[in-house]
């Protein structure tokens, strides 16, 4: 397996930067999906590989560490969603 090369994408309007695999496309947020969405990224070679970044309103009195500790379990690789392969995707029929 080849090591992944990364590219840094900065979103100064939102105060963050992320690293995504080299060659991935940077897409505008889809605010119809969520008003909290700030960025979308996808692999042009395989549209099943995507990443979407959301922001949340800050709760007064909570630190960045509090927020990070709360979402850490959701980032676990064991919690990744697996598509239902028996049901064709609506995109597959296009």
PDB file of N, CA and C in Angstrom:
ATOM      1  N   UNK A   1       0.838  -1.175   0.000  1.00  0.00           N
ATOM      2  CA  UNK A   1       0.000   0.000   0.000  1.00  0.00           C
ATOM      3  C   UNK A   1       0.888   1.245   0.000  1.00  0.00           C
ATOM      4  N   UNK A   2       0.586   2.167  -0.874  1.00  0.00           N
ATOM      5  CA  UNK A   2       1.363   3.400  -0.997  1.00  0.00           C
ATOM      6  C   UNK A   2       0.982   4.387   0.116  1.00  0.00           C
ATOM      7  N   UNK A   3       1.955   5.129   0.632  1.00  0.00           N
ATOM      8  CA  UNK A   3       1.603   6.138   1.635  1.00  0.00           C
ATOM      9  C   UNK A   3       0.763   7.249   0.995  1.00  0.00           C
ATOM     10  N   UNK A   4      -0.141   7.804   1.770  1.00  0.00           N
ATOM     11  CA  UNK A   4      -1.005   8.877   1.280  1.00  0.00           C
ATOM     12  C   UNK A   4      -0.256  10.195   1.366  1.00  0.00           C
ATOM     13  N   UNK A   5      -0.324  10.969   0.290  1.00  0.00           N
ATOM     14  CA  UNK A   5       0.220  12.325   0.308  1.00  0.00           C
ATOM     15  C   UNK A   5      -0.940  13.267   0.608  1.00  0.00           C
ATOM     16  N   UNK A   6      -0.665  14.283   1.416  1.00  0.00           N
ATOM     17  CA  UNK A   6      -1.710  15.177   1.890  1.00  0.00           C
ATOM     18  C   UNK A   6      -1.508  16.583   1.359  1.00  0.00           C
ATOM     19  N   UNK A   7      -2.606  17.307   1.234  1.00  0.00           N
ATOM     20  CA  UNK A   7      -2.552  18.728   0.901  1.00  0.00           C
ATOM     21  C   UNK A   7      -3.308  19.501   1.979  1.00  0.00           C
ATOM     22  N   UNK A   8      -2.799  20.657   2.305  1.00  0.00           N
ATOM     23  CA  UNK A   8      -3.423  21.495   3.332  1.00  0.00           C
ATOM     24  C   UNK A   8      -4.394  22.455   2.657  1.00  0.00           C
ATOM     25  N   UNK A   9      -5.598  22.548   3.211  1.00  0.00           N
ATOM     26  CA  UNK A   9      -6.612  23.481   2.730  1.00  0.00           C
ATOM     27  C   UNK A   9      -6.981  24.382   3.898  1.00  0.00           C
ATOM     28  N   UNK A  10      -6.823  25.675   3.698  1.00  0.00           N
ATOM     29  CA  UNK A  10      -7.138  26.636   4.756  1.00  0.00           C
ATOM     30  C   UNK A  10      -8.498  27.265   4.511  1.00  0.00           C
ATOM     31  N   UNK A  11      -9.233  27.427   5.579  1.00  0.00           N
ATOM     32  CA  UNK A  11     -10.532  28.097   5.561  1.00  0.00           C
ATOM     33  C   UNK A  11     -10.481  29.239   6.568  1.00  0.00           C
ATOM     34  N   UNK A  12      -9.800  30.338   6.216  1.00  0.00           N
ATOM     35  CA  UNK A  12      -9.602  31.421   7.171  1.00  0.00           C
ATOM     36  C   UNK A  12     -10.900  32.076   7.631  1.00  0.00           C
ATOM     37  N   UNK A  13     -11.932  32.067   6.794  1.00  0.00           N
ATOM     38  CA  UNK A  13     -13.214  32.654   7.212  1.00  0.00           C
ATOM     39  C   UNK A  13     -13.794  31.920   8.419  1.00  0.00           C
ATOM     40  N   UNK A  14     -13.438  30.649   8.554  1.00  0.00           N
ATOM     41  CA  UNK A  14     -13.955  29.846   9.658  1.00  0.00           C
ATOM     42  C   UNK A  14     -12.885  29.537  10.700  1.00  0.00           C
ATOM     43  N   UNK A  15     -11.644  29.956  10.451  1.00  0.00           N
ATOM     44  CA  UNK A  15     -10.584  29.801  11.441  1.00  0.00           C
ATOM     45  C   UNK A  15     -10.022  28.397  11.562  1.00  0.00           C
ATOM     46  N   UNK A  16      -9.966  27.643  10.459  1.00  0.00           N
ATOM     47  CA  UNK A  16      -9.380  26.310  10.528  1.00  0.00           C
ATOM     48  C   UNK A  16      -8.671  25.954   9.230  1.00  0.00           C
ATOM     49  N   UNK A  17      -7.889  24.919   9.311  1.00  0.00           N
ATOM     50  CA  UNK A  17      -7.241  24.316   8.144  1.00  0.00           C
ATOM     51  C   UNK A  17      -7.365  22.802   8.299  1.00  0.00           C
ATOM     52  N   UNK A  18      -7.474  22.102   7.191  1.00  0.00           N
ATOM     53  CA  UNK A  18      -7.552  20.642   7.202  1.00  0.00           C
ATOM     54  C   UNK A  18      -6.560  20.097   6.194  1.00  0.00           C
ATOM     55  N   UNK A  19      -6.207  18.849   6.380  1.00  0.00           N
ATOM     56  CA  UNK A  19      -5.384  18.145   5.397  1.00  0.00           C
ATOM     57  C   UNK A  19      -6.261  17.074   4.767  1.00  0.00           C
ATOM     58  N   UNK A  20      -6.252  17.072   3.431  1.00  0.00           N
ATOM     59  CA  UNK A  20      -7.021  16.092   2.676  1.00  0.00           C
ATOM     60  C   UNK A  20      -6.061  15.395   1.717  1.00  0.00           C
ATOM     61  N   UNK A  21      -6.415  14.216   1.241  1.00  0.00           N
ATOM     62  CA  UNK A  21      -5.523  13.531   0.303  1.00  0.00           C
ATOM     63  C   UNK A  21      -5.258  14.379  -0.945  1.00  0.00           C
ATOM     64  N   UNK A  22      -4.027  14.361  -1.420  1.00  0.00           N
ATOM     65  CA  UNK A  22      -3.675  15.087  -2.639  1.00  0.00           C
ATOM     66  C   UNK A  22      -4.548  14.596  -3.786  1.00  0.00           C
ATOM     67  N   UNK A  23      -4.981  15.532  -4.601  1.00  0.00           N
ATOM     68  CA  UNK A  23      -5.818  15.192  -5.736  1.00  0.00           C
ATOM     69  C   UNK A  23      -7.302  15.308  -5.459  1.00  0.00           C
ATOM     70  N   UNK A  24      -7.681  15.407  -4.188  1.00  0.00           N
ATOM     71  CA  UNK A  24      -9.106  15.575  -3.872  1.00  0.00           C
ATOM     72  C   UNK A  24      -9.538  16.977  -4.281  1.00  0.00           C
ATOM     73  N   UNK A  25     -10.810  17.106  -4.641  1.00  0.00           N
ATOM     74  CA  UNK A  25     -11.375  18.386  -5.032  1.00  0.00           C
ATOM     75  C   UNK A  25     -11.929  19.121  -3.817  1.00  0.00           C
ATOM     76  N   UNK A  26     -11.770  20.431  -3.826  1.00  0.00           N
ATOM     77  CA  UNK A  26     -12.363  21.294  -2.806  1.00  0.00           C
ATOM     78  C   UNK A  26     -13.658  21.819  -3.406  1.00  0.00           C
ATOM     79  N   UNK A  27     -14.767  21.578  -2.726  1.00  0.00           N
ATOM     80  CA  UNK A  27     -16.082  21.960  -3.232  1.00  0.00           C
ATOM     81  C   UNK A  27     -16.703  22.995  -2.296  1.00  0.00           C
ATOM     82  N   UNK A  28     -17.604  23.813  -2.813  1.00  0.00           N
ATOM     83  CA  UNK A  28     -18.271  24.767  -1.919  1.00  0.00           C
ATOM     84  C   UNK A  28     -19.239  24.043  -0.994  1.00  0.00           C
ATOM     85  N   UNK A  29     -19.530  24.632   0.162  1.00  0.00           N
ATOM     86  CA  UNK A  29     -20.496  23.995   1.058  1.00  0.00           C
ATOM     87  C   UNK A  29     -21.886  23.985   0.423  1.00  0.00           C
ATOM     88  N   UNK A  30     -22.662  22.985   0.792  1.00  0.00           N
ATOM     89  CA  UNK A  30     -24.055  22.886   0.350  1.00  0.00           C
ATOM     90  C   UNK A  30     -24.936  23.331   1.512  1.00  0.00           C
ATOM     91  N   UNK A  31     -25.312  24.590   1.512  1.00  0.00           N
ATOM     92  CA  UNK A  31     -26.066  25.142   2.635  1.00  0.00           C
ATOM     93  C   UNK A  31     -27.503  24.624   2.677  1.00  0.00           C
ATOM     94  N   UNK A  32     -27.959  23.994   1.607  1.00  0.00           N
ATOM     95  CA  UNK A  32     -29.272  23.333   1.654  1.00  0.00           C
ATOM     96  C   UNK A  32     -29.176  22.060   2.496  1.00  0.00           C
ATOM     97  N   UNK A  33     -27.997  21.454   2.537  1.00  0.00           N
ATOM     98  CA  UNK A  33     -27.776  20.278   3.376  1.00  0.00           C
ATOM     99  C   UNK A  33     -27.799  20.677   4.848  1.00  0.00           C
ATOM    100  N   UNK A  34     -27.065  21.758   5.179  1.00  0.00           N
ATOM    101  CA  UNK A  34     -27.011  22.250   6.554  1.00  0.00           C
ATOM    102  C   UNK A  34     -26.458  23.673   6.544  1.00  0.00           C
ATOM    103  N   UNK A  35     -27.054  24.570   7.317  1.00  0.00           N
ATOM    104  CA  UNK A  35     -26.495  25.922   7.398  1.00  0.00           C
ATOM    105  C   UNK A  35     -25.151  25.948   8.120  1.00  0.00           C
ATOM    106  N   UNK A  36     -24.793  24.836   8.777  1.00  0.00           N
ATOM    107  CA  UNK A  36     -23.539  24.752   9.526  1.00  0.00           C
ATOM    108  C   UNK A  36     -22.406  24.167   8.697  1.00  0.00           C
ATOM    109  N   UNK A  37     -22.681  23.771   7.463  1.00  0.00           N
ATOM    110  CA  UNK A  37     -21.639  23.174   6.609  1.00  0.00           C
ATOM    111  C   UNK A  37     -20.681  24.268   6.139  1.00  0.00           C
ATOM    112  N   UNK A  38     -19.372  23.996   6.231  1.00  0.00           N
ATOM    113  CA  UNK A  38     -18.379  24.994   5.824  1.00  0.00           C
ATOM    114  C   UNK A  38     -17.531  24.560   4.642  1.00  0.00           C
ATOM    115  N   UNK A  39     -17.428  23.262   4.370  1.00  0.00           N
ATOM    116  CA  UNK A  39     -16.598  22.797   3.255  1.00  0.00           C
ATOM    117  C   UNK A  39     -16.965  21.361   2.894  1.00  0.00           C
ATOM    118  N   UNK A  40     -16.681  21.030   1.637  1.00  0.00           N
ATOM    119  CA  UNK A  40     -16.844  19.656   1.131  1.00  0.00           C
ATOM    120  C   UNK A  40     -15.602  19.306   0.331  1.00  0.00           C
ATOM    121  N   UNK A  41     -15.219  18.061   0.429  1.00  0.00           N
ATOM    122  CA  UNK A  41     -14.069  17.565  -0.318  1.00  0.00           C
ATOM    123  C   UNK A  41     -14.436  16.197  -0.881  1.00  0.00           C
ATOM    124  N   UNK A  42     -13.924  15.882  -2.070  1.00  0.00           N
ATOM    125  CA  UNK A  42     -14.197  14.552  -2.602  1.00  0.00           C
ATOM    126  C   UNK A  42     -13.074  14.091  -3.529  1.00  0.00           C
ATOM    127  N   UNK A  43     -12.998  12.779  -3.666  1.00  0.00           N
ATOM    128  CA  UNK A  43     -12.036  12.133  -4.555  1.00  0.00           C
ATOM    129  C   UNK A  43     -12.673  12.071  -5.941  1.00  0.00           C
ATOM    130  N   UNK A  44     -12.136  12.782  -6.931  1.00  0.00           N
ATOM    131  CA  UNK A  44     -12.757  12.767  -8.253  1.00  0.00           C
ATOM    132  C   UNK A  44     -12.718  11.388  -8.921  1.00  0.00           C
ATOM    133  N   UNK A  45     -11.816  10.529  -8.468  1.00  0.00           N
ATOM    134  CA  UNK A  45     -11.721   9.183  -9.039  1.00  0.00           C
ATOM    135  C   UNK A  45     -12.778   8.247  -8.469  1.00  0.00           C
ATOM    136  N   UNK A  46     -13.310   8.567  -7.301  1.00  0.00           N
ATOM    137  CA  UNK A  46     -14.312   7.715  -6.662  1.00  0.00           C
ATOM    138  C   UNK A  46     -15.181   8.585  -5.765  1.00  0.00           C
ATOM    139  N   UNK A  47     -16.332   8.981  -6.256  1.00  0.00           N
ATOM    140  CA  UNK A  47     -17.211   9.917  -5.549  1.00  0.00           C
ATOM    141  C   UNK A  47     -17.749   9.375  -4.228  1.00  0.00           C
ATOM    142  N   UNK A  48     -17.509   8.111  -3.932  1.00  0.00           N
ATOM    143  CA  UNK A  48     -17.919   7.569  -2.633  1.00  0.00           C
ATOM    144  C   UNK A  48     -17.010   8.065  -1.518  1.00  0.00           C
ATOM    145  N   UNK A  49     -15.832   8.564  -1.877  1.00  0.00           N
ATOM    146  CA  UNK A  49     -14.872   9.057  -0.886  1.00  0.00           C
ATOM    147  C   UNK A  49     -15.067  10.562  -0.744  1.00  0.00           C
ATOM    148  N   UNK A  50     -15.643  10.958   0.373  1.00  0.00           N
ATOM    149  CA  UNK A  50     -15.940  12.368   0.611  1.00  0.00           C
ATOM    150  C   UNK A  50     -15.651  12.752   2.058  1.00  0.00           C
ATOM    151  N   UNK A  51     -15.566  14.048   2.275  1.00  0.00           N
ATOM    152  CA  UNK A  51     -15.469  14.594   3.629  1.00  0.00           C
ATOM    153  C   UNK A  51     -16.258  15.904   3.640  1.00  0.00           C
ATOM    154  N   UNK A  52     -17.046  16.107   4.672  1.00  0.00           N
ATOM    155  CA  UNK A  52     -17.817  17.331   4.837  1.00  0.00           C
ATOM    156  C   UNK A  52     -17.487  17.897   6.211  1.00  0.00           C
ATOM    157  N   UNK A  53     -17.254  19.192   6.271  1.00  0.00           N
ATOM    158  CA  UNK A  53     -16.904  19.845   7.533  1.00  0.00           C
ATOM    159  C   UNK A  53     -18.064  20.744   7.950  1.00  0.00           C
ATOM    160  N   UNK A  54     -18.455  20.602   9.219  1.00  0.00           N
ATOM    161  CA  UNK A  54     -19.521  21.413   9.799  1.00  0.00           C
ATOM    162  C   UNK A  54     -18.956  22.241  10.947  1.00  0.00           C
ATOM    163  N   UNK A  55     -19.609  23.338  11.231  1.00  0.00           N
ATOM    164  CA  UNK A  55     -19.297  24.116  12.433  1.00  0.00           C
ATOM    165  C   UNK A  55     -20.525  24.063  13.315  1.00  0.00           C
ATOM    166  N   UNK A  56     -20.334  24.275  14.576  1.00  0.00           N
ATOM    167  CA  UNK A  56     -21.440  24.315  15.533  1.00  0.00           C
ATOM    168  C   UNK A  56     -21.385  25.625  16.284  1.00  0.00           C
ATOM    169  N   UNK A  57     -22.531  26.122  16.687  1.00  0.00           N
ATOM    170  CA  UNK A  57     -22.484  27.309  17.532  1.00  0.00           C
ATOM    171  C   UNK A  57     -21.801  26.967  18.857  1.00  0.00           C
ATOM    172  N   UNK A  58     -21.095  27.910  19.399  1.00  0.00           N
ATOM    173  CA  UNK A  58     -20.353  27.687  20.638  1.00  0.00           C
ATOM    174  C   UNK A  58     -21.287  27.860  21.832  1.00  0.00           C
ATOM    175  N   UNK A  59     -21.222  26.915  22.742  1.00  0.00           N
ATOM    176  CA  UNK A  59     -21.983  27.017  23.983  1.00  0.00           C
ATOM    177  C   UNK A  59     -21.141  27.819  24.972  1.00  0.00           C
ATOM    178  N   UNK A  60     -21.690  28.884  25.552  1.00  0.00           N
ATOM    179  CA  UNK A  60     -20.911  29.673  26.504  1.00  0.00           C
ATOM    180  C   UNK A  60     -20.363  28.796  27.634  1.00  0.00           C
ATOM    181  N   UNK A  61     -19.116  29.028  27.982  1.00  0.00           N
ATOM    182  CA  UNK A  61     -18.497  28.298  29.079  1.00  0.00           C
ATOM    183  C   UNK A  61     -17.814  27.003  28.663  1.00  0.00           C
ATOM    184  N   UNK A  62     -17.942  26.596  27.408  1.00  0.00           N
ATOM    185  CA  UNK A  62     -17.282  25.362  26.962  1.00  0.00           C
ATOM    186  C   UNK A  62     -16.000  25.718  26.223  1.00  0.00           C
ATOM    187  N   UNK A  63     -14.954  25.000  26.524  1.00  0.00           N
ATOM    188  CA  UNK A  63     -13.673  25.230  25.863  1.00  0.00           C
ATOM    189  C   UNK A  63     -13.585  24.390  24.592  1.00  0.00           C
ATOM    190  N   UNK A  64     -12.603  24.676  23.775  1.00  0.00           N
ATOM    191  CA  UNK A  64     -12.359  23.874  22.573  1.00  0.00           C
ATOM    192  C   UNK A  64     -12.069  22.421  22.957  1.00  0.00           C
ATOM    193  N   UNK A  65     -11.374  22.202  24.084  1.00  0.00           N
ATOM    194  CA  UNK A  65     -11.075  20.843  24.566  1.00  0.00           C
ATOM    195  C   UNK A  65     -12.376  20.101  24.905  1.00  0.00           C
ATOM    196  N   UNK A  66     -13.333  20.796  25.544  1.00  0.00           N
ATOM    197  CA  UNK A  66     -14.620  20.168  25.865  1.00  0.00           C
ATOM    198  C   UNK A  66     -15.323  19.678  24.599  1.00  0.00           C
ATOM    199  N   UNK A  67     -15.332  20.524  23.593  1.00  0.00           N
ATOM    200  CA  UNK A  67     -15.986  20.161  22.327  1.00  0.00           C
ATOM    201  C   UNK A  67     -15.248  18.999  21.673  1.00  0.00           C
ATOM    202  N   UNK A  68     -13.920  19.055  21.629  1.00  0.00           N
ATOM    203  CA  UNK A  68     -13.130  17.983  21.010  1.00  0.00           C
ATOM    204  C   UNK A  68     -13.334  16.660  21.737  1.00  0.00           C
ATOM    205  N   UNK A  69     -13.357  16.692  23.060  1.00  0.00           N
ATOM    206  CA  UNK A  69     -13.568  15.456  23.827  1.00  0.00           C
ATOM    207  C   UNK A  69     -14.947  14.861  23.556  1.00  0.00           C
ATOM    208  N   UNK A  70     -15.918  15.714  23.327  1.00  0.00           N
ATOM    209  CA  UNK A  70     -17.281  15.237  23.080  1.00  0.00           C
ATOM    210  C   UNK A  70     -17.405  14.553  21.722  1.00  0.00           C
ATOM    211  N   UNK A  71     -16.720  15.069  20.691  1.00  0.00           N
ATOM    212  CA  UNK A  71     -16.856  14.494  19.346  1.00  0.00           C
ATOM    213  C   UNK A  71     -15.849  13.392  19.060  1.00  0.00           C
ATOM    214  N   UNK A  72     -14.851  13.235  19.891  1.00  0.00           N
ATOM    215  CA  UNK A  72     -13.811  12.230  19.633  1.00  0.00           C
ATOM    216  C   UNK A  72     -14.375  10.830  19.397  1.00  0.00           C
ATOM    217  N   UNK A  73     -15.345  10.335  20.199  1.00  0.00           N
ATOM    218  CA  UNK A  73     -15.874   8.987  19.931  1.00  0.00           C
ATOM    219  C   UNK A  73     -16.502   8.867  18.542  1.00  0.00           C
ATOM    220  N   UNK A  74     -17.091   9.932  18.026  1.00  0.00           N
ATOM    221  CA  UNK A  74     -17.711   9.887  16.699  1.00  0.00           C
ATOM    222  C   UNK A  74     -16.662   9.786  15.599  1.00  0.00           C
ATOM    223  N   UNK A  75     -15.428  10.155  15.870  1.00  0.00           N
ATOM    224  CA  UNK A  75     -14.360  10.092  14.880  1.00  0.00           C
ATOM    225  C   UNK A  75     -13.660   8.739  14.863  1.00  0.00           C
ATOM    226  N   UNK A  76     -14.036   7.854  15.753  1.00  0.00           N
ATOM    227  CA  UNK A  76     -13.410   6.541  15.821  1.00  0.00           C
ATOM    228  C   UNK A  76     -13.599   5.789  14.511  1.00  0.00           C
ATOM    229  N   UNK A  77     -12.543   5.143  13.984  1.00  0.00           N
ATOM    230  CA  UNK A  77     -12.696   4.404  12.729  1.00  0.00           C
ATOM    231  C   UNK A  77     -13.670   3.242  12.855  1.00  0.00           C
ATOM    232  N   UNK A  78     -13.963   2.810  14.059  1.00  0.00           N
ATOM    233  CA  UNK A  78     -14.896   1.708  14.248  1.00  0.00           C
ATOM    234  C   UNK A  78     -16.337   2.156  14.102  1.00  0.00           C
ATOM    235  N   UNK A  79     -16.559   3.460  14.020  1.00  0.00           N
ATOM    236  CA  UNK A  79     -17.914   3.984  13.890  1.00  0.00           C
ATOM    237  C   UNK A  79     -18.208   4.442  12.472  1.00  0.00           C
ATOM    238  N   UNK A  80     -17.334   4.149  11.522  1.00  0.00           N
ATOM    239  CA  UNK A  80     -17.566   4.573  10.149  1.00  0.00           C
ATOM    240  C   UNK A  80     -18.800   3.879   9.593  1.00  0.00           C
ATOM    241  N   UNK A  81     -19.570   4.623   8.827  1.00  0.00           N
ATOM    242  CA  UNK A  81     -20.773   4.060   8.231  1.00  0.00           C
ATOM    243  C   UNK A  81     -20.404   3.197   7.036  1.00  0.00           C
ATOM    244  N   UNK A  82     -21.062   2.077   6.913  1.00  0.00           N
ATOM    245  CA  UNK A  82     -20.869   1.186   5.782  1.00  0.00           C
ATOM    246  C   UNK A  82     -22.128   1.233   4.939  1.00  0.00           C
ATOM    247  N   UNK A  83     -22.007   1.526   3.640  1.00  0.00           N
ATOM    248  CA  UNK A  83     -23.209   1.596   2.816  1.00  0.00           C
ATOM    249  C   UNK A  83     -23.868   0.227   2.682  1.00  0.00           C
ATOM    250  N   UNK A  84     -25.162   0.244   2.516  1.00  0.00           N
ATOM    251  CA  UNK A  84     -25.917  -0.978   2.299  1.00  0.00           C
ATOM    252  C   UNK A  84     -25.728  -1.370   0.833  1.00  0.00           C
ATOM    253  N   UNK A  85     -24.906  -2.360   0.585  1.00  0.00           N
ATOM    254  CA  UNK A  85     -24.551  -2.735  -0.780  1.00  0.00           C
ATOM    255  C   UNK A  85     -25.685  -3.428  -1.522  1.00  0.00           C
ATOM    256  N   UNK A  86     -26.720  -3.881  -0.814  1.00  0.00           N
ATOM    257  CA  UNK A  86     -27.806  -4.569  -1.489  1.00  0.00           C
ATOM    258  C   UNK A  86     -28.804  -3.596  -2.113  1.00  0.00           C
ATOM    259  N   UNK A  87     -28.755  -2.325  -1.703  1.00  0.00           N
ATOM    260  CA  UNK A  87     -29.660  -1.327  -2.256  1.00  0.00           C
ATOM    261  C   UNK A  87     -28.869  -0.408  -3.167  1.00  0.00           C
ATOM    262  N   UNK A  88     -29.232  -0.336  -4.457  1.00  0.00           N
ATOM    263  CA  UNK A  88     -28.484   0.536  -5.366  1.00  0.00           C
ATOM    264  C   UNK A  88     -28.615   1.998  -4.971  1.00  0.00           C
ATOM    265  N   UNK A  89     -27.550   2.727  -5.126  1.00  0.00           N
ATOM    266  CA  UNK A  89     -27.542   4.146  -4.840  1.00  0.00           C
ATOM    267  C   UNK A  89     -28.375   4.873  -5.891  1.00  0.00           C
ATOM    268  N   UNK A  90     -29.085   5.964  -5.496  1.00  0.00           N
ATOM    269  CA  UNK A  90     -29.824   6.738  -6.505  1.00  0.00           C
ATOM    270  C   UNK A  90     -28.889   7.291  -7.565  1.00  0.00           C
ATOM    271  N   UNK A  91     -27.633   7.560  -7.204  1.00  0.00           N
ATOM    272  CA  UNK A  91     -26.667   8.076  -8.172  1.00  0.00           C
ATOM    273  C   UNK A  91     -26.292   7.018  -9.210  1.00  0.00           C
ATOM    274  N   UNK A  92     -26.356   5.746  -8.829  1.00  0.00           N
ATOM    275  CA  UNK A  92     -25.953   4.678  -9.733  1.00  0.00           C
ATOM    276  C   UNK A  92     -26.872   4.584 -10.936  1.00  0.00           C
ATOM    277  N   UNK A  93     -28.120   5.048 -10.793  1.00  0.00           N
ATOM    278  CA  UNK A  93     -29.065   4.942 -11.895  1.00  0.00           C
ATOM    279  C   UNK A  93     -28.961   6.088 -12.877  1.00  0.00           C
ATOM    280  N   UNK A  94     -28.117   7.065 -12.578  1.00  0.00           N
ATOM    281  CA  UNK A  94     -27.974   8.224 -13.478  1.00  0.00           C
ATOM    282  C   UNK A  94     -27.142   7.894 -14.661  1.00  0.00           C
TER     283      UNK A  94
END
